[in-house]
Amino acid sequence: MKVRLTLNGEPATLTCAPWEFLTEALRRHGLIGTKRGCETGDCGACSVLLDGEEVASCILLAAQADGHAVTTVEGLGGFERPHPIQEAFVDATAVQCGYCTPGMVIATQALLAQNPAPTERDARECLAGHLCRCTGYVKPIAAVLQAAERCRAGDVAKTGGRS
């Protein structure tokens, strides 16, 4: 089947089976920042934005994204032009193995779009659904708060646009 959507700001068509989850369709499309983790929607590694809301793409059928806007971590920024959230995660050394990082970055984008001045508690709640075995969460929480400052300065969190 054909799934037509806006993918990282561009019109796209994904070809997939009716029972296929969005994670697999995205990865086959070359967007490998969306990670496979638990495949039950519990770890956060597969997080993407669906119309601006964080969702677990491992439990969302690709067909359910038809007609919607999907943003992956690649849609926020890349090596050449990283998003301030991505820069904050690097600068705060909140990245170790990096497996959970794309989901945390997506969660941070969703948080900052709704709340540009989060408290530490807000940052903790934002990352609560993201499992990480490397960092202990101290640095990712600092990265969320640092990203909030950077995004407020550049006002990029609301649009999800690149800086």
Protein backbone atom coordinates (compact mmCIF):
# COMPACT_ATOMS: atom_id res chain seq x y z
CA MET A 1 0.00 0.00 0.00
CA LYS A 2 1.03 3.64 -0.44
CA VAL A 3 1.18 5.97 2.54
CA ARG A 4 1.29 9.64 1.60
CA LEU A 5 2.54 12.00 4.26
CA THR A 6 4.70 14.98 4.94
CA LEU A 7 8.03 13.56 6.07
CA ASN A 8 10.50 15.97 7.62
CA GLY A 9 8.78 18.86 5.90
CA GLU A 10 8.63 17.30 2.42
CA PRO A 11 5.85 15.38 0.66
CA ALA A 12 6.66 11.67 0.64
CA THR A 13 5.14 8.34 -0.24
CA LEU A 14 6.07 5.21 1.67
CA THR A 15 5.30 1.81 0.23
CA CYS A 16 4.52 -0.66 2.98
CA ALA A 17 2.40 -3.64 3.99
CA PRO A 18 -0.87 -2.86 5.80
CA TRP A 19 0.47 -4.46 9.00
CA GLU A 20 3.86 -2.72 8.92
CA PHE A 21 4.82 -0.37 11.70
CA LEU A 22 6.07 3.13 10.99
CA THR A 23 9.54 2.41 12.41
CA GLU A 24 10.25 -0.16 9.72
CA ALA A 25 8.85 1.95 6.90
CA LEU A 26 10.99 4.93 7.98
CA ARG A 27 14.15 2.87 8.28
CA ARG A 28 13.58 1.31 4.86
CA HIS A 29 13.14 4.87 3.55
CA GLY A 30 16.69 5.58 4.80
CA LEU A 31 15.80 7.36 8.04
CA ILE A 32 17.78 5.20 10.42
CA GLY A 33 17.88 7.68 13.30
CA THR A 34 14.58 6.17 14.41
CA LYS A 35 15.78 3.17 16.38
CA ARG A 36 14.24 -0.22 17.02
CA GLY A 37 14.18 -0.87 20.74
CA CYS A 38 11.59 -2.73 22.73
CA GLU A 39 9.03 -2.83 19.90
CA THR A 40 6.26 -2.43 22.50
CA GLY A 41 6.26 1.38 22.83
CA ASP A 42 7.98 1.38 26.22
CA CYS A 43 11.60 2.48 25.63
CA GLY A 44 11.36 5.68 23.54
CA ALA A 45 14.07 4.73 21.03
CA CYS A 46 11.61 4.87 18.14
CA SER A 47 10.04 8.24 19.00
CA VAL A 48 8.96 10.50 16.16
CA LEU A 49 6.66 13.49 15.98
CA LEU A 50 3.26 12.91 14.41
CA ASP A 51 1.68 16.29 13.75
CA GLY A 52 3.97 17.66 16.46
CA GLU A 53 3.11 15.06 19.09
CA GLU A 54 5.64 12.48 20.27
CA VAL A 55 4.58 8.94 19.36
CA ALA A 56 6.18 5.51 19.51
CA SER A 57 6.61 4.57 15.86
CA CYS A 58 7.12 0.90 16.76
CA ILE A 59 3.44 0.54 17.68
CA LEU A 60 1.97 2.94 15.12
CA LEU A 61 1.03 1.34 11.85
CA ALA A 62 2.59 3.17 8.92
CA ALA A 63 -0.90 3.43 7.42
CA GLN A 64 -1.97 5.51 10.42
CA ALA A 65 0.51 8.19 9.34
CA ASP A 66 -1.25 8.63 5.99
CA GLY A 67 -2.11 12.30 5.51
CA HIS A 68 -0.11 13.41 8.56
CA ALA A 69 3.19 15.15 9.18
CA VAL A 70 5.98 12.97 10.55
CA THR A 71 9.24 14.40 11.84
CA THR A 72 12.21 12.19 12.62
CA VAL A 73 15.46 13.22 14.27
CA GLU A 74 16.90 13.73 10.78
CA GLY A 75 14.17 16.29 10.14
CA LEU A 76 15.35 18.46 13.01
CA GLY A 77 18.91 18.77 11.79
CA GLY A 78 21.98 16.89 10.70
CA PHE A 79 25.75 16.96 10.76
CA GLU A 80 25.97 20.03 8.55
CA ARG A 81 23.27 22.02 10.36
CA PRO A 82 22.40 20.51 13.73
CA HIS A 83 19.34 21.71 15.59
CA PRO A 84 20.03 23.56 18.87
CA ILE A 85 18.56 20.56 20.73
CA GLN A 86 21.07 18.25 19.07
CA GLU A 87 23.88 20.68 19.84
CA ALA A 88 22.81 20.85 23.48
CA PHE A 89 22.91 17.06 23.81
CA VAL A 90 26.44 17.02 22.39
CA ASP A 91 27.67 19.98 24.42
CA ALA A 92 26.20 18.57 27.66
CA THR A 93 27.91 15.23 26.86
CA ALA A 94 24.49 13.60 27.12
CA VAL A 95 25.42 11.11 24.41
CA GLN A 96 27.27 7.91 25.17
CA CYS A 97 26.31 4.94 23.04
CA GLY A 98 23.74 7.19 21.33
CA TYR A 99 21.02 4.60 20.89
CA CYS A 100 18.45 6.43 23.02
CA THR A 101 19.54 9.91 21.96
CA PRO A 102 17.34 10.37 18.85
CA GLY A 103 14.23 9.56 20.88
CA MET A 104 15.29 11.92 23.65
CA VAL A 105 15.92 14.68 21.11
CA ILE A 106 12.45 14.15 19.62
CA ALA A 107 10.88 14.17 23.12
CA THR A 108 12.72 17.41 23.87
CA GLN A 109 11.40 18.99 20.67
CA ALA A 110 7.84 18.01 21.64
CA LEU A 111 8.31 19.43 25.14
CA LEU A 112 9.82 22.72 24.00
CA ALA A 113 7.12 23.27 21.40
CA GLN A 114 4.59 23.19 24.25
CA ASN A 115 6.72 24.64 27.04
CA PRO A 116 9.68 26.79 25.98
CA ALA A 117 10.80 27.32 29.60
CA PRO A 118 10.66 23.90 31.26
CA THR A 119 11.72 23.28 34.84
CA GLU A 120 14.04 20.45 35.83
CA ARG A 121 10.94 18.48 36.80
CA ASP A 122 9.46 19.06 33.33
CA ALA A 123 12.72 17.81 31.78
CA ARG A 124 12.65 14.70 33.98
CA GLU A 125 9.05 13.98 32.99
CA CYS A 126 9.91 14.54 29.33
CA LEU A 127 12.62 11.88 29.45
CA ALA A 128 10.80 9.51 31.81
CA GLY A 129 9.61 7.32 28.91
CA HIS A 130 13.10 6.98 27.46
CA LEU A 131 15.27 4.14 28.66
CA CYS A 132 19.00 4.73 28.79
CA ARG A 133 21.57 2.37 30.23
CA CYS A 134 24.60 4.61 29.78
CA THR A 135 24.11 8.16 31.03
CA GLY A 136 22.15 8.00 34.27
CA TYR A 137 19.89 10.82 32.98
CA VAL A 138 21.76 13.67 34.72
CA LYS A 139 23.38 14.91 31.51
CA PRO A 140 20.30 14.41 29.29
CA ILE A 141 18.22 16.44 31.75
CA ALA A 142 20.87 19.17 31.66
CA ALA A 143 20.76 18.97 27.85
CA VAL A 144 16.99 19.51 27.81
CA LEU A 145 17.36 22.63 29.94
CA GLN A 146 20.29 23.87 27.85
CA ALA A 147 18.31 23.23 24.67
CA ALA A 148 15.41 25.25 26.07
CA GLU A 149 17.71 28.24 26.57
CA ARG A 150 19.13 27.92 23.07
CA CYS A 151 15.73 27.50 21.45
CA ARG A 152 14.29 30.48 23.30
CA ALA A 153 17.21 32.54 22.05
CA GLY A 154 16.62 31.42 18.46
CA ASP A 155 12.85 30.64 18.70
CA VAL A 156 13.24 27.41 16.69
CA ALA A 157 11.42 24.92 18.96
CA LYS A 158 7.93 26.01 17.94
CA THR A 159 8.52 25.49 14.25
CA GLY A 160 10.88 22.55 14.51
CA GLY A 161 12.96 24.38 11.95
CA ARG A 162 16.68 24.22 11.67
CA SER A 163 18.71 27.02 13.14
